[in-house]
Amino acid sequence: MKTILIASCLAVLAMTAASAETRSSTQYFIVLDTKTKTCTVADKKPKTKTLKIAGDATYRTQAEAENGMKIIKVCISK
């Protein structure tokens, strides 16, 4: 009985650790360069005056951010 309890606790601990690692993953932002009027994907918030976050969303993957860039009005090429 104790063996089953210990094994169950270890299994829950392992799943919790894996879940916490997934939640703390990198966030991606769509960044607008106000000088060149171009958008890029960044994994950190911009810290300069010429770079602004375009839109209000954060993305879990770079691919999601790149797809999001296609629908943000200021990022669409003319």
Protein backbone atom coordinates (compact mmCIF):
# COMPACT_ATOMS: atom_id res chain seq x y z
CA MET A 1 0.00 0.00 0.00
CA LYS A 2 2.81 2.41 0.88
CA THR A 3 4.58 1.56 -2.37
CA ILE A 4 1.51 2.49 -4.42
CA LEU A 5 1.13 5.76 -2.50
CA ILE A 6 4.79 6.68 -3.00
CA ALA A 7 4.63 5.79 -6.70
CA SER A 8 1.50 7.91 -7.12
CA CYS A 9 3.13 10.87 -5.41
CA LEU A 10 6.21 10.60 -7.62
CA ALA A 11 4.06 10.43 -10.73
CA VAL A 12 2.12 13.56 -9.71
CA LEU A 13 5.36 15.36 -8.89
CA ALA A 14 6.82 14.51 -12.31
CA MET A 15 3.70 15.73 -14.12
CA THR A 16 3.65 18.95 -12.10
CA ALA A 17 7.29 19.68 -12.91
CA ALA A 18 6.71 19.09 -16.64
CA SER A 19 3.63 21.31 -16.58
CA ALA A 20 5.47 24.14 -14.80
CA GLU A 21 8.25 24.01 -17.37
CA THR A 22 5.73 24.35 -20.21
CA ARG A 23 4.02 27.35 -18.58
CA SER A 24 7.27 29.28 -18.12
CA SER A 25 8.18 29.11 -21.79
CA THR A 26 9.11 32.12 -23.87
CA GLN A 27 6.52 34.63 -24.97
CA TYR A 28 6.67 36.21 -28.41
CA PHE A 29 5.63 39.71 -29.38
CA ILE A 30 4.99 41.46 -32.68
CA VAL A 31 7.20 44.54 -32.69
CA LEU A 32 6.78 47.57 -34.97
CA ASP A 33 9.82 49.68 -35.89
CA THR A 34 8.34 53.17 -36.09
CA LYS A 35 11.18 54.49 -38.27
CA THR A 36 11.03 51.85 -41.01
CA LYS A 37 7.36 50.90 -40.48
CA THR A 38 8.24 47.19 -40.49
CA CYS A 39 7.13 44.49 -38.10
CA THR A 40 9.18 41.65 -36.68
CA VAL A 41 8.73 38.91 -34.10
CA ALA A 42 10.68 39.27 -30.86
CA ASP A 43 10.98 37.12 -27.76
CA LYS A 44 11.51 40.14 -25.49
CA LYS A 45 9.55 43.35 -25.00
CA PRO A 46 11.16 46.27 -26.82
CA LYS A 47 13.07 48.77 -24.68
CA THR A 48 13.74 51.54 -27.19
CA LYS A 49 11.51 54.41 -28.25
CA THR A 50 11.53 53.44 -31.93
CA LEU A 51 10.25 49.90 -31.27
CA LYS A 52 6.66 49.43 -30.12
CA ILE A 53 4.54 46.35 -29.52
CA ALA A 54 2.01 46.07 -32.35
CA GLY A 55 -1.31 44.77 -31.11
CA ASP A 56 -2.03 43.60 -27.60
CA ALA A 57 -1.47 39.87 -27.87
CA THR A 58 1.39 37.68 -26.73
CA TYR A 59 2.08 34.40 -28.48
CA ARG A 60 3.37 31.05 -27.22
CA THR A 61 5.34 30.20 -30.35
CA GLN A 62 7.17 32.14 -33.02
CA ALA A 63 4.95 30.59 -35.70
CA GLU A 64 1.81 31.90 -33.94
CA ALA A 65 3.33 35.38 -33.80
CA GLU A 66 4.25 35.27 -37.49
CA ASN A 67 0.68 34.30 -38.36
CA GLY A 68 -0.63 37.05 -36.09
CA MET A 69 1.54 39.55 -37.93
CA LYS A 70 -0.45 38.82 -41.10
CA ILE A 71 -3.65 40.25 -39.60
CA ILE A 72 -2.30 43.32 -37.78
CA LYS A 73 -3.13 46.32 -39.94
CA VAL A 74 0.14 48.24 -39.44
CA CYS A 75 2.21 45.15 -40.32
CA ILE A 76 0.56 44.37 -43.66
CA SER A 77 2.77 45.40 -46.58
CA LYS A 78 1.26 47.72 -49.13
